[in-house]
N, C-alpha and C. Protein backbone atom coordinates (compact mmCIF):
# COMPACT_ATOMS: atom_id res chain seq x y z
N MET A 1 -110.32 93.68 -4.15
CA MET A 1 -110.54 92.35 -3.59
C MET A 1 -109.06 91.28 -4.08
N PRO A 2 -108.37 90.75 -2.89
CA PRO A 2 -107.19 89.63 -3.25
C PRO A 2 -107.54 88.78 -4.32
N ARG A 3 -107.13 88.41 -4.85
CA ARG A 3 -107.21 87.21 -5.98
C ARG A 3 -107.51 85.88 -5.24
N SER A 4 -107.00 85.58 -4.22
CA SER A 4 -107.02 84.55 -3.33
C SER A 4 -108.64 84.19 -2.92
N ILE A 5 -109.46 85.25 -2.86
CA ILE A 5 -110.83 84.94 -2.40
C ILE A 5 -111.82 85.67 -3.37
N ARG A 6 -112.85 84.83 -3.58
CA ARG A 6 -113.81 85.18 -4.79
C ARG A 6 -115.49 85.73 -4.08
N ARG A 7 -116.09 86.52 -4.37
CA ARG A 7 -117.21 86.61 -3.74
C ARG A 7 -118.63 86.42 -4.86
N SER A 8 -119.66 85.76 -4.20
CA SER A 8 -120.75 86.15 -5.07
C SER A 8 -121.84 86.05 -3.99
N SER A 9 -122.99 86.68 -5.08
CA SER A 9 -124.38 86.92 -4.10
C SER A 9 -125.29 86.02 -4.54
N LEU A 10 -125.73 85.07 -3.58
CA LEU A 10 -126.49 83.92 -3.74
C LEU A 10 -127.58 83.67 -2.95
N THR A 11 -128.59 83.04 -3.02
CA THR A 11 -129.97 83.27 -2.12
C THR A 11 -129.29 81.72 -1.68
N ALA A 12 -130.07 81.25 -0.36
CA ALA A 12 -129.64 80.09 0.42
C ALA A 12 -129.96 79.22 -0.91
N LYS A 13 -131.10 79.23 -1.78
CA LYS A 13 -131.55 78.20 -2.43
C LYS A 13 -130.57 78.05 -3.59
N GLN A 14 -129.92 79.19 -3.93
CA GLN A 14 -128.87 78.98 -5.21
C GLN A 14 -127.72 78.29 -4.58
N ALA A 15 -127.52 78.62 -2.89
CA ALA A 15 -126.12 78.41 -2.68
C ALA A 15 -125.98 76.65 -2.71
N GLY A 16 -126.99 75.88 -2.27
CA GLY A 16 -127.15 74.46 -2.32
C GLY A 16 -126.60 74.29 -3.63
N SER A 17 -126.95 74.74 -4.91
CA SER A 17 -126.56 74.27 -6.15
C SER A 17 -125.10 74.59 -6.65
N ALA A 18 -124.74 75.88 -5.68
CA ALA A 18 -123.28 76.24 -5.84
C ALA A 18 -122.08 75.53 -5.44
N LEU A 19 -122.59 74.34 -4.82
CA LEU A 19 -121.43 73.41 -3.61
C LEU A 19 -120.50 73.04 -4.88
N ASN A 20 -120.89 72.64 -6.35
CA ASN A 20 -119.83 72.15 -7.00
C ASN A 20 -118.36 73.26 -7.67
N ASP A 21 -119.00 74.46 -7.31
CA ASP A 21 -118.12 75.63 -8.18
C ASP A 21 -117.10 76.03 -6.99
N VAL A 22 -117.01 75.26 -5.94
CA VAL A 22 -115.60 75.52 -4.95
C VAL A 22 -114.49 74.52 -5.50
N PRO A 23 -113.32 75.44 -6.15
CA PRO A 23 -112.32 74.68 -6.23
C PRO A 23 -111.47 73.88 -5.26
N LYS A 24 -110.92 72.67 -5.53
CA LYS A 24 -110.09 71.80 -4.81
C LYS A 24 -109.08 72.76 -4.25
N GLY A 25 -108.90 72.72 -2.61
CA GLY A 25 -108.10 73.70 -1.63
C GLY A 25 -108.73 74.77 -1.18
N TYR A 26 -110.06 75.11 -1.65
CA TYR A 26 -110.70 75.92 -1.21
C TYR A 26 -111.88 75.85 -0.64
N PHE A 27 -112.83 76.85 0.35
CA PHE A 27 -114.31 76.36 0.77
C PHE A 27 -114.88 77.93 1.03
N ALA A 28 -116.18 77.59 1.21
CA ALA A 28 -117.03 78.54 1.17
C ALA A 28 -117.52 79.14 2.37
N VAL A 29 -117.81 80.50 2.66
CA VAL A 29 -118.10 80.72 3.90
C VAL A 29 -119.31 81.75 3.46
N TYR A 30 -119.80 81.90 4.51
CA TYR A 30 -121.11 83.37 4.18
C TYR A 30 -121.12 84.28 5.28
N VAL A 31 -120.59 85.49 4.59
CA VAL A 31 -120.21 86.77 5.84
C VAL A 31 -121.25 87.85 5.67
N GLY A 32 -121.34 88.22 6.70
CA GLY A 32 -122.13 89.36 6.55
C GLY A 32 -123.70 89.57 8.14
N GLU A 33 -123.77 90.56 8.63
CA GLU A 33 -124.72 90.66 9.83
C GLU A 33 -126.01 90.81 9.52
N GLN A 34 -126.60 90.93 8.47
CA GLN A 34 -127.81 91.05 7.65
C GLN A 34 -127.88 90.23 6.53
N GLU A 35 -127.29 90.97 5.36
CA GLU A 35 -127.62 90.01 3.88
C GLU A 35 -126.19 89.31 4.10
N LYS A 36 -126.16 87.98 3.90
CA LYS A 36 -125.05 87.21 3.91
C LYS A 36 -124.46 87.11 2.31
N LYS A 37 -122.87 87.15 2.28
CA LYS A 37 -122.36 87.04 0.94
C LYS A 37 -121.64 85.86 1.06
N ARG A 38 -121.49 85.13 0.30
CA ARG A 38 -120.57 84.33 0.00
C ARG A 38 -119.40 84.49 -0.77
N PHE A 39 -118.46 84.04 0.07
CA PHE A 39 -116.91 83.96 -0.07
C PHE A 39 -116.28 82.70 -0.43
N VAL A 40 -115.12 82.77 -1.45
CA VAL A 40 -114.85 81.02 -1.36
C VAL A 40 -113.34 81.45 -1.28
N ILE A 41 -112.92 80.58 0.01
CA ILE A 41 -111.41 81.34 0.29
C ILE A 41 -110.65 79.93 0.37
N PRO A 42 -108.90 80.27 0.46
CA PRO A 42 -108.27 79.02 0.59
C PRO A 42 -108.33 78.57 1.71
N ILE A 43 -108.30 76.96 1.94
CA ILE A 43 -108.56 76.21 2.86
C ILE A 43 -107.24 76.74 4.17
N SER A 44 -106.35 77.08 3.41
CA SER A 44 -105.04 77.72 4.11
C SER A 44 -105.40 78.45 5.33
N PHE A 45 -106.62 79.59 5.15
CA PHE A 45 -106.61 80.20 6.19
C PHE A 45 -107.41 80.14 7.36
N LEU A 46 -107.65 78.64 7.47
CA LEU A 46 -108.06 77.82 8.72
C LEU A 46 -106.86 77.61 9.45
N ASN A 47 -105.82 78.12 8.88
CA ASN A 47 -104.30 77.67 10.56
C ASN A 47 -104.19 79.28 10.69
N GLN A 48 -104.56 80.19 10.43
CA GLN A 48 -104.39 81.41 10.83
C GLN A 48 -105.22 81.85 11.78
N PRO A 49 -104.31 82.25 13.07
CA PRO A 49 -105.01 82.60 14.47
C PRO A 49 -106.08 83.86 14.23
N SER A 50 -106.03 84.68 13.32
CA SER A 50 -107.03 85.77 13.38
C SER A 50 -108.23 85.41 12.40
N PHE A 51 -108.31 84.16 11.47
CA PHE A 51 -109.35 83.78 11.10
C PHE A 51 -110.00 82.73 11.86
N GLN A 52 -109.10 81.87 13.01
CA GLN A 52 -109.67 81.34 13.55
C GLN A 52 -110.65 81.95 14.96
N GLU A 53 -110.38 83.29 15.16
CA GLU A 53 -111.01 83.97 16.02
C GLU A 53 -112.19 84.18 15.21
N LEU A 54 -112.26 84.86 14.20
CA LEU A 54 -113.51 84.64 13.40
C LEU A 54 -114.48 83.45 13.49
N LEU A 55 -114.03 81.94 13.27
CA LEU A 55 -114.43 80.98 13.49
C LEU A 55 -115.15 80.71 14.61
N SER A 56 -114.28 81.16 15.68
CA SER A 56 -115.00 81.20 17.35
C SER A 56 -116.00 82.00 17.39
N GLN A 57 -116.04 83.37 16.88
CA GLN A 57 -117.33 84.03 16.76
C GLN A 57 -118.60 83.25 16.38
N ALA A 58 -118.08 82.91 15.29
CA ALA A 58 -119.05 82.14 14.50
C ALA A 58 -119.88 80.93 15.36
N GLU A 59 -119.12 80.09 15.80
CA GLU A 59 -119.24 79.26 16.79
C GLU A 59 -120.17 79.42 18.21
N GLU A 60 -119.93 80.74 18.50
CA GLU A 60 -120.61 81.24 19.65
C GLU A 60 -121.96 81.89 19.33
N GLU A 61 -122.12 82.26 17.97
CA GLU A 61 -123.32 82.78 17.63
C GLU A 61 -124.19 81.73 17.03
N PHE A 62 -123.63 80.84 16.26
CA PHE A 62 -124.75 79.70 16.05
C PHE A 62 -124.63 78.59 16.06
N GLY A 63 -123.35 78.16 16.75
CA GLY A 63 -123.17 76.64 17.40
C GLY A 63 -122.56 75.81 15.73
N PHE A 64 -123.75 75.00 15.61
CA PHE A 64 -123.47 74.03 14.40
C PHE A 64 -124.67 74.11 13.56
N ASP A 65 -125.62 75.14 13.85
CA ASP A 65 -126.66 75.47 13.07
C ASP A 65 -126.23 76.71 12.23
N HIS A 66 -125.99 76.27 10.71
CA HIS A 66 -125.82 77.36 10.09
C HIS A 66 -127.00 77.99 9.02
N PRO A 67 -127.65 78.83 9.46
CA PRO A 67 -128.94 79.02 8.64
C PRO A 67 -128.52 79.07 6.83
N MET A 68 -127.41 79.52 6.54
CA MET A 68 -127.31 79.44 4.88
C MET A 68 -126.76 77.76 4.30
N GLY A 69 -126.99 77.04 5.61
CA GLY A 69 -126.57 75.93 4.80
C GLY A 69 -124.68 75.28 4.93
N GLY A 70 -124.31 76.57 5.16
CA GLY A 70 -122.56 76.22 4.89
C GLY A 70 -122.30 77.37 6.20
N LEU A 71 -120.76 77.17 6.43
CA LEU A 71 -120.34 78.09 7.48
C LEU A 71 -120.44 79.72 7.40
N THR A 72 -121.27 79.75 8.43
CA THR A 72 -121.40 81.64 8.54
C THR A 72 -121.06 82.28 9.24
N ILE A 73 -120.18 83.43 8.99
CA ILE A 73 -119.51 84.47 9.66
C ILE A 73 -120.08 85.35 10.20
N PRO A 74 -120.38 85.74 11.36
CA PRO A 74 -121.10 86.88 11.62
C PRO A 74 -120.45 88.51 11.89
N CYS A 75 -120.03 88.80 10.66
CA CYS A 75 -118.91 90.21 10.84
C CYS A 75 -119.47 91.28 9.56
N ARG A 76 -119.26 91.95 9.69
CA ARG A 76 -119.09 92.82 8.53
C ARG A 76 -118.59 92.63 7.40
N GLU A 77 -118.97 92.69 5.96
CA GLU A 77 -117.92 92.29 4.90
C GLU A 77 -116.82 92.87 4.96
N GLU A 78 -116.60 94.16 5.42
CA GLU A 78 -115.77 94.87 5.12
C GLU A 78 -114.27 94.60 6.07
N ILE A 79 -114.95 94.04 7.14
CA ILE A 79 -113.53 93.66 8.29
C ILE A 79 -113.16 92.44 7.69
N PHE A 80 -114.56 91.45 7.21
CA PHE A 80 -113.70 89.94 6.54
C PHE A 80 -112.78 90.39 5.06
N ILE A 81 -112.89 91.39 4.10
CA ILE A 81 -112.23 91.49 3.17
C ILE A 81 -110.76 92.01 3.83
N ASP A 82 -110.82 92.72 4.75
CA ASP A 82 -109.46 93.50 5.28
C ASP A 82 -108.96 92.26 5.73
N LEU A 83 -109.24 91.52 6.24
CA LEU A 83 -108.70 90.71 7.30
C LEU A 83 -107.81 89.62 6.47
N THR A 84 -108.82 89.09 5.18
CA THR A 84 -108.45 87.99 4.26
C THR A 84 -107.20 88.64 3.45
N SER A 85 -107.60 90.04 2.85
CA SER A 85 -106.25 90.58 2.10
C SER A 85 -104.86 90.59 2.91
N ARG A 86 -105.12 90.73 4.35
CA ARG A 86 -103.46 90.59 4.85
C ARG A 86 -103.23 89.06 4.89
N LEU A 87 -104.26 88.21 4.62
CA LEU A 87 -103.85 86.68 4.97
C LEU A 87 -102.99 86.23 3.73
N SER A 88 -103.72 87.08 2.66
CA SER A 88 -103.44 86.39 1.40
C SER A 88 -101.58 86.80 0.96
């Protein structure tokens, strides 16, 4: 896994208390179709067209109601890791 992203397994309850562990210049997203995994990724990914496509998919599926309390991206974890490794 690229060094620019970090993964952690948190429940929704734990995620709320984990907000303080996101370093400056990064943000947390939740990825997965069934079980959601938390990733901390660089803000610079927001400028990438391929990442923006994932955000569009998240908007279509969830609108602004994200069940984990943070940005949720509805794709398989492997696809997300592959995409972010190419962006790093």
